[in-house]
Amino acid sequence: MTTKQHLKTKCQAFLSQRLVIIQKAINDIQNSLQSETKSSAGDKHETGRAMLQLEREKAGQQLAEIETQQQILNKIKPESKHQKITLGSIVKTTNVNYFIAISAGEITLEDSKYFAISSATPIARLLISKETGETIKFRETQFTILEIH
């Protein structure tokens, strides 16, 4: 398995973990809504139901966000080679290594650290369309692009 395949797999695992947590939260909210219906009455009951509805909407938005991130990951072809930085690129710099995909944080592979970042992040927007050898300045730190995969 290539480094890019490993990174993509780690990102998919990250999304799967988040999905399990959100689905559990949705189930807990559903159970709470059902028990809320069976119990108290009056203003307190209505406030409790309204709060649970808000929690359910929030969880639904998080679920939609995960689906969007899964679609982004599906666009990444591990076998593709890049001359310029784009979605799916592995970028090795003099400072940090990046995987332009989704925001999944730090991933360690074979003693190398990579930061999985979304193409919408400020650092990714600076990197996109750059080539090997170019120098970038981000938040008072200057670094050079060493490799693009």
Protein backbone atom coordinates (compact mmCIF):
# COMPACT_ATOMS: atom_id res chain seq x y z
CA MET A 1 0.00 0.00 0.00
CA THR A 2 1.36 3.44 -0.93
CA THR A 3 1.72 6.31 1.53
CA LYS A 4 -1.22 8.08 -0.11
CA GLN A 5 -3.41 4.96 0.24
CA HIS A 6 -2.43 4.68 3.91
CA LEU A 7 -3.25 8.34 4.54
CA LYS A 8 -6.58 8.06 2.75
CA THR A 9 -7.42 4.92 4.77
CA LYS A 10 -6.55 6.71 8.03
CA CYS A 11 -8.81 9.61 7.03
CA GLN A 12 -11.64 7.18 6.26
CA ALA A 13 -11.16 5.55 9.68
CA PHE A 14 -11.27 9.01 11.29
CA LEU A 15 -14.63 9.69 9.58
CA SER A 16 -15.96 6.25 10.56
CA GLN A 17 -15.16 6.95 14.23
CA ARG A 18 -16.94 10.30 14.05
CA LEU A 19 -19.91 8.66 12.34
CA VAL A 20 -20.27 6.08 15.14
CA ILE A 21 -20.20 8.83 17.78
CA ILE A 22 -22.80 10.95 15.96
CA GLN A 23 -25.09 7.97 15.33
CA LYS A 24 -24.94 7.10 19.04
CA ALA A 25 -25.79 10.70 19.91
CA ILE A 26 -28.77 10.63 17.53
CA ASN A 27 -30.00 7.36 19.08
CA ASP A 28 -29.62 8.82 22.59
CA ILE A 29 -31.58 11.91 21.54
CA GLN A 30 -34.34 9.75 20.02
CA ASN A 31 -34.58 7.72 23.23
CA SER A 32 -34.68 10.91 25.32
CA LEU A 33 -37.41 12.37 23.10
CA GLN A 34 -39.50 9.24 23.53
CA SER A 35 -39.06 9.19 27.31
CA GLU A 36 -39.73 12.96 27.46
CA THR A 37 -43.07 12.35 25.73
CA LYS A 38 -44.04 9.74 28.33
CA SER A 39 -43.06 11.79 31.38
CA SER A 40 -43.76 15.32 32.54
CA ALA A 41 -46.14 17.93 31.21
CA GLY A 42 -46.22 21.71 31.05
CA ASP A 43 -43.55 24.32 30.29
CA LYS A 44 -40.67 22.19 31.56
CA HIS A 45 -41.73 19.40 29.19
CA GLU A 46 -41.85 21.76 26.19
CA THR A 47 -38.44 23.25 27.00
CA GLY A 48 -36.92 19.78 27.30
CA ARG A 49 -38.38 18.72 23.94
CA ALA A 50 -37.17 21.93 22.27
CA MET A 51 -33.63 21.38 23.58
CA LEU A 52 -33.63 17.80 22.34
CA GLN A 53 -34.89 18.93 18.92
CA LEU A 54 -31.99 21.42 18.72
CA GLU A 55 -29.53 18.65 19.64
CA ARG A 56 -31.03 16.41 16.95
CA GLU A 57 -30.67 19.17 14.33
CA LYS A 58 -27.05 19.74 15.35
CA ALA A 59 -26.30 16.01 15.06
CA GLY A 60 -28.01 15.96 11.66
CA GLN A 61 -25.74 18.79 10.47
CA GLN A 62 -22.69 16.87 11.69
CA LEU A 63 -23.93 13.81 9.82
CA ALA A 64 -24.27 15.85 6.62
CA GLU A 65 -20.75 17.22 7.13
CA ILE A 66 -19.36 13.67 7.39
CA GLU A 67 -21.13 12.70 4.16
CA THR A 68 -19.56 15.72 2.44
CA GLN A 69 -16.12 14.77 3.75
CA GLN A 70 -16.60 11.18 2.55
CA GLN A 71 -17.42 12.52 -0.93
CA ILE A 72 -14.21 14.59 -0.85
CA LEU A 73 -12.17 11.52 0.12
CA ASN A 74 -13.80 9.52 -2.69
CA LYS A 75 -12.46 12.07 -5.21
CA ILE A 76 -8.87 11.32 -4.15
CA LYS A 77 -7.18 8.78 -6.41
CA PRO A 78 -4.14 7.35 -4.58
CA GLU A 79 -2.45 6.38 -7.84
CA SER A 80 -2.52 9.92 -9.25
CA LYS A 81 0.70 11.94 -9.53
CA HIS A 82 0.71 15.72 -9.14
CA GLN A 83 3.09 18.36 -10.47
CA LYS A 84 1.19 21.11 -8.64
CA ILE A 85 -0.46 20.83 -5.25
CA THR A 86 -4.15 19.94 -5.41
CA LEU A 87 -6.74 17.83 -3.56
CA GLY A 88 -5.12 14.49 -2.76
CA SER A 89 -1.53 15.76 -2.80
CA ILE A 90 1.05 14.74 -0.25
CA VAL A 91 3.24 17.77 0.33
CA LYS A 92 6.61 17.43 2.03
CA THR A 93 8.12 20.72 3.17
CA THR A 94 11.13 21.84 5.17
CA ASN A 95 8.75 22.36 8.09
CA VAL A 96 5.77 19.93 8.06
CA ASN A 97 4.28 17.26 5.78
CA TYR A 98 0.69 17.70 4.61
CA PHE A 99 -2.00 15.53 3.05
CA ILE A 100 -4.54 17.75 1.28
CA ALA A 101 -7.82 15.91 1.90
CA ILE A 102 -10.01 16.47 4.97
CA SER A 103 -9.20 17.93 8.37
CA ALA A 104 -8.29 14.79 10.30
CA GLY A 105 -5.33 16.04 12.29
CA GLU A 106 -1.93 14.44 12.69
CA ILE A 107 -1.28 11.01 11.16
CA THR A 108 1.92 9.07 11.81
CA LEU A 109 3.13 6.56 9.22
CA GLU A 110 6.48 4.78 9.44
CA ASP A 111 8.11 7.43 11.66
CA SER A 112 6.85 10.28 9.46
CA LYS A 113 4.17 12.71 10.56
CA TYR A 114 1.59 14.17 8.20
CA PHE A 115 -1.16 16.66 8.85
CA ALA A 116 -4.38 15.79 7.03
CA ILE A 117 -5.90 19.16 6.19
CA SER A 118 -8.90 20.35 4.23
CA SER A 119 -8.30 22.28 1.02
CA ALA A 120 -10.36 25.07 2.64
CA THR A 121 -7.86 25.71 5.44
CA PRO A 122 -5.70 28.83 5.21
CA ILE A 123 -2.46 26.84 4.86
CA ALA A 124 -3.93 24.62 2.12
CA ARG A 125 -5.17 27.67 0.20
CA LEU A 126 -1.60 28.98 0.27
CA LEU A 127 -0.20 25.64 -0.92
CA ILE A 128 -2.68 24.82 -3.71
CA SER A 129 -1.25 25.27 -7.21
CA LYS A 130 2.32 25.61 -5.88
CA GLU A 131 5.17 23.47 -7.21
CA THR A 132 8.28 21.82 -5.79
CA GLY A 133 10.93 24.36 -4.81
CA GLU A 134 8.53 27.22 -4.07
CA THR A 135 8.78 28.99 -0.73
CA ILE A 136 5.71 29.79 1.37
CA LYS A 137 5.32 32.13 4.32
CA PHE A 138 2.54 31.30 6.76
CA ARG A 139 2.13 32.96 10.17
CA GLU A 140 5.69 34.22 10.41
CA THR A 141 7.07 30.79 9.39
CA GLN A 142 8.78 30.35 6.05
CA PHE A 143 9.21 26.93 4.45
CA THR A 144 10.03 25.38 1.10
CA ILE A 145 8.11 22.66 -0.75
CA LEU A 146 10.48 19.70 -1.11
CA GLU A 147 8.24 17.06 -2.73
CA ILE A 148 4.71 16.67 -4.10
CA HIS A 149 3.13 13.23 -4.50
